PDB file of N, CA and C in Angstrom:
ATOM      1  N   UNK A   1      54.092  80.245  83.083  1.00  0.00           N
ATOM      2  CA  UNK A   1      54.172  81.303  84.071  1.00  0.00           C
ATOM      3  C   UNK A   1      53.856  82.617  83.361  1.00  0.00           C
ATOM      4  N   UNK A   2      53.112  83.436  83.995  1.00  0.00           N
ATOM      5  CA  UNK A   2      52.683  84.694  83.411  1.00  0.00           C
ATOM      6  C   UNK A   2      53.813  85.712  83.358  1.00  0.00           C
ATOM      7  N   UNK A   3      53.752  86.569  82.392  1.00  0.00           N
ATOM      8  CA  UNK A   3      54.773  87.610  82.250  1.00  0.00           C
ATOM      9  C   UNK A   3      54.569  88.745  83.240  1.00  0.00           C
ATOM     10  N   UNK A   4      53.541  88.652  84.059  1.00  0.00           N
ATOM     11  CA  UNK A   4      53.304  89.665  85.085  1.00  0.00           C
ATOM     12  C   UNK A   4      54.292  89.550  86.240  1.00  0.00           C
ATOM     13  N   UNK A   5      55.005  88.431  86.292  1.00  0.00           N
ATOM     14  CA  UNK A   5      55.946  88.188  87.377  1.00  0.00           C
ATOM     15  C   UNK A   5      57.361  88.313  86.831  1.00  0.00           C
ATOM     16  N   UNK A   6      57.966  89.465  87.012  1.00  0.00           N
ATOM     17  CA  UNK A   6      59.363  89.679  86.661  1.00  0.00           C
ATOM     18  C   UNK A   6      59.685  89.488  85.190  1.00  0.00           C
ATOM     19  N   UNK A   7      60.983  89.502  84.906  1.00  0.00           N
ATOM     20  CA  UNK A   7      61.424  89.256  83.541  1.00  0.00           C
ATOM     21  C   UNK A   7      61.740  87.763  83.395  1.00  0.00           C
ATOM     22  N   UNK A   8      62.230  87.364  82.220  1.00  0.00           N
ATOM     23  CA  UNK A   8      62.457  85.949  81.936  1.00  0.00           C
ATOM     24  C   UNK A   8      63.451  85.325  82.917  1.00  0.00           C
ATOM     25  N   UNK A   9      64.478  86.057  83.280  1.00  0.00           N
ATOM     26  CA  UNK A   9      65.479  85.531  84.214  1.00  0.00           C
ATOM     27  C   UNK A   9      64.838  85.248  85.569  1.00  0.00           C
ATOM     28  N   UNK A  10      64.021  86.151  86.047  1.00  0.00           N
ATOM     29  CA  UNK A  10      63.367  85.965  87.345  1.00  0.00           C
ATOM     30  C   UNK A  10      62.353  84.831  87.293  1.00  0.00           C
ATOM     31  N   UNK A  11      61.590  84.735  86.212  1.00  0.00           N
ATOM     32  CA  UNK A  11      60.615  83.642  86.093  1.00  0.00           C
ATOM     33  C   UNK A  11      61.320  82.288  86.058  1.00  0.00           C
ATOM     34  N   UNK A  12      62.440  82.203  85.349  1.00  0.00           N
ATOM     35  CA  UNK A  12      63.182  80.945  85.293  1.00  0.00           C
ATOM     36  C   UNK A  12      63.767  80.590  86.653  1.00  0.00           C
ATOM     37  N   UNK A  13      64.204  81.574  87.422  1.00  0.00           N
ATOM     38  CA  UNK A  13      64.713  81.325  88.771  1.00  0.00           C
ATOM     39  C   UNK A  13      63.614  80.759  89.654  1.00  0.00           C
ATOM     40  N   UNK A  14      62.425  81.336  89.559  1.00  0.00           N
ATOM     41  CA  UNK A  14      61.289  80.842  90.343  1.00  0.00           C
ATOM     42  C   UNK A  14      61.012  79.381  89.978  1.00  0.00           C
ATOM     43  N   UNK A  15      61.003  79.082  88.693  1.00  0.00           N
ATOM     44  CA  UNK A  15      60.751  77.708  88.255  1.00  0.00           C
ATOM     45  C   UNK A  15      61.807  76.745  88.800  1.00  0.00           C
ATOM     46  N   UNK A  16      63.065  77.158  88.761  1.00  0.00           N
ATOM     47  CA  UNK A  16      64.143  76.295  89.257  1.00  0.00           C
ATOM     48  C   UNK A  16      63.993  76.041  90.754  1.00  0.00           C
ATOM     49  N   UNK A  17      63.674  77.072  91.508  1.00  0.00           N
ATOM     50  CA  UNK A  17      63.533  76.921  92.963  1.00  0.00           C
ATOM     51  C   UNK A  17      62.338  76.019  93.286  1.00  0.00           C
ATOM     52  N   UNK A  18      61.222  76.227  92.617  1.00  0.00           N
ATOM     53  CA  UNK A  18      60.030  75.400  92.863  1.00  0.00           C
ATOM     54  C   UNK A  18      60.324  73.947  92.535  1.00  0.00           C
ATOM     55  N   UNK A  19      60.961  73.691  91.403  1.00  0.00           N
ATOM     56  CA  UNK A  19      61.282  72.315  91.019  1.00  0.00           C
ATOM     57  C   UNK A  19      62.214  71.651  92.028  1.00  0.00           C
ATOM     58  N   UNK A  20      63.210  72.392  92.488  1.00  0.00           N
ATOM     59  CA  UNK A  20      64.170  71.817  93.430  1.00  0.00           C
ATOM     60  C   UNK A  20      63.507  71.505  94.776  1.00  0.00           C
ATOM     61  N   UNK A  21      62.696  72.424  95.285  1.00  0.00           N
ATOM     62  CA  UNK A  21      61.998  72.186  96.553  1.00  0.00           C
ATOM     63  C   UNK A  21      61.072  70.985  96.407  1.00  0.00           C
ATOM     64  N   UNK A  22      60.345  70.913  95.307  1.00  0.00           N
ATOM     65  CA  UNK A  22      59.444  69.783  95.096  1.00  0.00           C
ATOM     66  C   UNK A  22      60.227  68.483  94.954  1.00  0.00           C
ATOM     67  N   UNK A  23      61.319  68.505  94.204  1.00  0.00           N
ATOM     68  CA  UNK A  23      62.118  67.298  93.985  1.00  0.00           C
ATOM     69  C   UNK A  23      62.645  66.736  95.296  1.00  0.00           C
ATOM     70  N   UNK A  24      63.109  67.598  96.167  1.00  0.00           N
ATOM     71  CA  UNK A  24      63.672  67.149  97.441  1.00  0.00           C
ATOM     72  C   UNK A  24      62.607  66.732  98.449  1.00  0.00           C
ATOM     73  N   UNK A  25      61.358  67.128  98.225  1.00  0.00           N
ATOM     74  CA  UNK A  25      60.289  66.854  99.198  1.00  0.00           C
ATOM     75  C   UNK A  25      59.098  66.160  98.558  1.00  0.00           C
ATOM     76  N   UNK A  26      59.332  65.399  97.529  1.00  0.00           N
ATOM     77  CA  UNK A  26      58.259  64.716  96.792  1.00  0.00           C
ATOM     78  C   UNK A  26      57.444  63.797  97.688  1.00  0.00           C
ATOM     79  N   UNK A  27      58.066  63.230  98.715  1.00  0.00           N
ATOM     80  CA  UNK A  27      57.380  62.292  99.602  1.00  0.00           C
ATOM     81  C   UNK A  27      56.254  62.962 100.391  1.00  0.00           C
ATOM     82  N   UNK A  28      56.227  64.282 100.464  1.00  0.00           N
ATOM     83  CA  UNK A  28      55.171  64.988 101.197  1.00  0.00           C
ATOM     84  C   UNK A  28      53.822  64.903 100.491  1.00  0.00           C
ATOM     85  N   UNK A  29      53.843  64.684  99.182  1.00  0.00           N
ATOM     86  CA  UNK A  29      52.622  64.766  98.397  1.00  0.00           C
ATOM     87  C   UNK A  29      52.178  63.393  97.905  1.00  0.00           C
ATOM     88  N   UNK A  30      50.873  63.140  97.947  1.00  0.00           N
ATOM     89  CA  UNK A  30      50.360  61.871  97.438  1.00  0.00           C
ATOM     90  C   UNK A  30      50.620  61.761  95.932  1.00  0.00           C
ATOM     91  N   UNK A  31      50.946  60.568  95.476  1.00  0.00           N
ATOM     92  CA  UNK A  31      51.220  60.355  94.056  1.00  0.00           C
ATOM     93  C   UNK A  31      49.964  60.534  93.212  1.00  0.00           C
ATOM     94  N   UNK A  32      48.809  60.466  93.828  1.00  0.00           N
ATOM     95  CA  UNK A  32      47.550  60.541  93.087  1.00  0.00           C
ATOM     96  C   UNK A  32      47.120  61.977  92.783  1.00  0.00           C
ATOM     97  N   UNK A  33      47.919  62.967  93.168  1.00  0.00           N
ATOM     98  CA  UNK A  33      47.550  64.367  92.960  1.00  0.00           C
ATOM     99  C   UNK A  33      48.460  65.026  91.930  1.00  0.00           C
ATOM    100  N   UNK A  34      47.884  65.926  91.162  1.00  0.00           N
ATOM    101  CA  UNK A  34      48.665  66.787  90.286  1.00  0.00           C
ATOM    102  C   UNK A  34      48.776  68.137  90.981  1.00  0.00           C
ATOM    103  N   UNK A  35      49.927  68.767  90.855  1.00  0.00           N
ATOM    104  CA  UNK A  35      50.142  70.063  91.485  1.00  0.00           C
ATOM    105  C   UNK A  35      50.326  71.133  90.421  1.00  0.00           C
ATOM    106  N   UNK A  36      49.732  72.277  90.668  1.00  0.00           N
ATOM    107  CA  UNK A  36      49.880  73.425  89.783  1.00  0.00           C
ATOM    108  C   UNK A  36      50.374  74.579  90.636  1.00  0.00           C
ATOM    109  N   UNK A  37      51.483  75.158  90.235  1.00  0.00           N
ATOM    110  CA  UNK A  37      52.055  76.293  90.945  1.00  0.00           C
ATOM    111  C   UNK A  37      51.788  77.541  90.135  1.00  0.00           C
ATOM    112  N   UNK A  38      51.242  78.549  90.786  1.00  0.00           N
ATOM    113  CA  UNK A  38      50.979  79.828  90.130  1.00  0.00           C
ATOM    114  C   UNK A  38      51.748  80.888  90.899  1.00  0.00           C
ATOM    115  N   UNK A  39      52.711  81.490  90.224  1.00  0.00           N
ATOM    116  CA  UNK A  39      53.531  82.527  90.861  1.00  0.00           C
ATOM    117  C   UNK A  39      52.767  83.848  90.857  1.00  0.00           C
ATOM    118  N   UNK A  40      52.705  84.459  91.988  1.00  0.00           N
ATOM    119  CA  UNK A  40      52.055  85.759  92.137  1.00  0.00           C
ATOM    120  C   UNK A  40      53.113  86.844  92.245  1.00  0.00           C
ATOM    121  N   UNK A  41      52.682  88.083  92.182  1.00  0.00           N
ATOM    122  CA  UNK A  41      53.628  89.179  92.353  1.00  0.00           C
ATOM    123  C   UNK A  41      54.334  89.032  93.685  1.00  0.00           C
ATOM    124  N   UNK A  42      55.602  89.305  93.701  1.00  0.00           N
ATOM    125  CA  UNK A  42      56.389  89.129  94.906  1.00  0.00           C
ATOM    126  C   UNK A  42      57.065  87.772  94.968  1.00  0.00           C
ATOM    127  N   UNK A  43      56.724  86.883  94.049  1.00  0.00           N
ATOM    128  CA  UNK A  43      57.329  85.553  94.044  1.00  0.00           C
ATOM    129  C   UNK A  43      58.808  85.605  93.716  1.00  0.00           C
ATOM    130  N   UNK A  44      59.244  86.667  93.076  1.00  0.00           N
ATOM    131  CA  UNK A  44      60.658  86.782  92.722  1.00  0.00           C
ATOM    132  C   UNK A  44      61.527  86.937  93.964  1.00  0.00           C
ATOM    133  N   UNK A  45      60.939  87.304  95.085  1.00  0.00           N
ATOM    134  CA  UNK A  45      61.689  87.518  96.323  1.00  0.00           C
ATOM    135  C   UNK A  45      61.717  86.297  97.236  1.00  0.00           C
ATOM    136  N   UNK A  46      61.014  85.232  96.881  1.00  0.00           N
ATOM    137  CA  UNK A  46      60.912  84.081  97.772  1.00  0.00           C
ATOM    138  C   UNK A  46      62.217  83.286  97.755  1.00  0.00           C
ATOM    139  N   UNK A  47      62.577  82.768  98.904  1.00  0.00           N
ATOM    140  CA  UNK A  47      63.786  81.956  98.995  1.00  0.00           C
ATOM    141  C   UNK A  47      63.396  80.498  99.234  1.00  0.00           C
ATOM    142  N   UNK A  48      64.391  79.642  99.234  1.00  0.00           N
ATOM    143  CA  UNK A  48      64.170  78.202  99.358  1.00  0.00           C
ATOM    144  C   UNK A  48      63.409  77.862 100.641  1.00  0.00           C
ATOM    145  N   UNK A  49      63.828  78.427 101.758  1.00  0.00           N
ATOM    146  CA  UNK A  49      63.199  78.117 103.042  1.00  0.00           C
ATOM    147  C   UNK A  49      61.742  78.528 103.113  1.00  0.00           C
ATOM    148  N   UNK A  50      61.437  79.704 102.601  1.00  0.00           N
ATOM    149  CA  UNK A  50      60.049  80.180 102.608  1.00  0.00           C
ATOM    150  C   UNK A  50      59.171  79.304 101.731  1.00  0.00           C
ATOM    151  N   UNK A  51      59.689  78.951 100.577  1.00  0.00           N
ATOM    152  CA  UNK A  51      58.918  78.104  99.675  1.00  0.00           C
ATOM    153  C   UNK A  51      58.711  76.720 100.275  1.00  0.00           C
ATOM    154  N   UNK A  52      59.723  76.206 100.945  1.00  0.00           N
ATOM    155  CA  UNK A  52      59.594  74.906 101.602  1.00  0.00           C
ATOM    156  C   UNK A  52      58.491  74.944 102.655  1.00  0.00           C
ATOM    157  N   UNK A  53      58.431  75.993 103.439  1.00  0.00           N
ATOM    158  CA  UNK A  53      57.367  76.134 104.449  1.00  0.00           C
ATOM    159  C   UNK A  53      55.990  76.163 103.801  1.00  0.00           C
ATOM    160  N   UNK A  54      55.872  76.884 102.700  1.00  0.00           N
ATOM    161  CA  UNK A  54      54.584  76.957 101.989  1.00  0.00           C
ATOM    162  C   UNK A  54      54.181  75.586 101.443  1.00  0.00           C
ATOM    163  N   UNK A  55      55.125  74.857 100.884  1.00  0.00           N
ATOM    164  CA  UNK A  55      54.809  73.527 100.359  1.00  0.00           C
ATOM    165  C   UNK A  55      54.443  72.552 101.471  1.00  0.00           C
ATOM    166  N   UNK A  56      55.114  72.642 102.600  1.00  0.00           N
ATOM    167  CA  UNK A  56      54.775  71.772 103.732  1.00  0.00           C
ATOM    168  C   UNK A  56      53.369  72.065 104.230  1.00  0.00           C
ATOM    169  N   UNK A  57      53.012  73.326 104.268  1.00  0.00           N
ATOM    170  CA  UNK A  57      51.656  73.689 104.693  1.00  0.00           C
ATOM    171  C   UNK A  57      50.617  73.142 103.702  1.00  0.00           C
ATOM    172  N   UNK A  58      50.910  73.261 102.417  1.00  0.00           N
ATOM    173  CA  UNK A  58      49.994  72.734 101.399  1.00  0.00           C
ATOM    174  C   UNK A  58      49.890  71.216 101.496  1.00  0.00           C
ATOM    175  N   UNK A  59      51.003  70.552 101.748  1.00  0.00           N
ATOM    176  CA  UNK A  59      51.004  69.088 101.855  1.00  0.00           C
ATOM    177  C   UNK A  59      50.147  68.620 103.030  1.00  0.00           C
ATOM    178  N   UNK A  60      50.202  69.345 104.142  1.00  0.00           N
ATOM    179  CA  UNK A  60      49.379  68.975 105.306  1.00  0.00           C
ATOM    180  C   UNK A  60      47.899  69.060 104.961  1.00  0.00           C
ATOM    181  N   UNK A  61      47.525  70.016 104.132  1.00  0.00           N
ATOM    182  CA  UNK A  61      46.116  70.173 103.782  1.00  0.00           C
ATOM    183  C   UNK A  61      45.644  69.064 102.840  1.00  0.00           C
ATOM    184  N   UNK A  62      46.565  68.427 102.120  1.00  0.00           N
ATOM    185  CA  UNK A  62      46.195  67.361 101.180  1.00  0.00           C
ATOM    186  C   UNK A  62      46.071  66.002 101.845  1.00  0.00           C
ATOM    187  N   UNK A  63      46.662  65.844 102.996  1.00  0.00           N
ATOM    188  CA  UNK A  63      46.634  64.545 103.668  1.00  0.00           C
ATOM    189  C   UNK A  63      45.217  64.202 104.124  1.00  0.00           C
ATOM    190  N   UNK A  64      44.793  62.962 103.933  1.00  0.00           N
ATOM    191  CA  UNK A  64      43.431  62.556 104.309  1.00  0.00           C
ATOM    192  C   UNK A  64      43.137  62.735 105.803  1.00  0.00           C
ATOM    193  N   UNK A  65      44.111  62.481 106.664  1.00  0.00           N
ATOM    194  CA  UNK A  65      43.856  62.596 108.098  1.00  0.00           C
ATOM    195  C   UNK A  65      43.719  64.046 108.537  1.00  0.00           C
ATOM    196  N   UNK A  66      44.106  64.993 107.680  1.00  0.00           N
ATOM    197  CA  UNK A  66      44.007  66.412 108.029  1.00  0.00           C
ATOM    198  C   UNK A  66      42.615  66.969 107.754  1.00  0.00           C
ATOM    199  N   UNK A  67      41.782  66.219 107.014  1.00  0.00           N
ATOM    200  CA  UNK A  67      40.446  66.715 106.701  1.00  0.00           C
ATOM    201  C   UNK A  67      39.529  66.504 107.902  1.00  0.00           C
ATOM    202  N   UNK A  68      38.708  67.486 108.221  1.00  0.00           N
ATOM    203  CA  UNK A  68      37.819  67.355 109.386  1.00  0.00           C
ATOM    204  C   UNK A  68      36.659  66.434 109.141  1.00  0.00           C
TER     205      UNK A  68
END
C-alpha cells in the first residue's frame, strides 16, 4: 500500500477491513481470479458497508453471465 494514503495506522486499518470483507464474502469471487486492491485517497474514511457494496459490484462484473 502506498504511503500516499494516511499514516501507518490508517493503512493497516484499511488492510484489515479489506481482508475481513473479502474473507466473509469469498464466495462472490471465482477461485480462478487474483484480486489486487489499490487504496486511493479517501480510503481511510471507508466503512465496512461501503466496501462491501464496492466488492459486490466488482464481483458482478467478474461473473461470466454478466458479460455482454
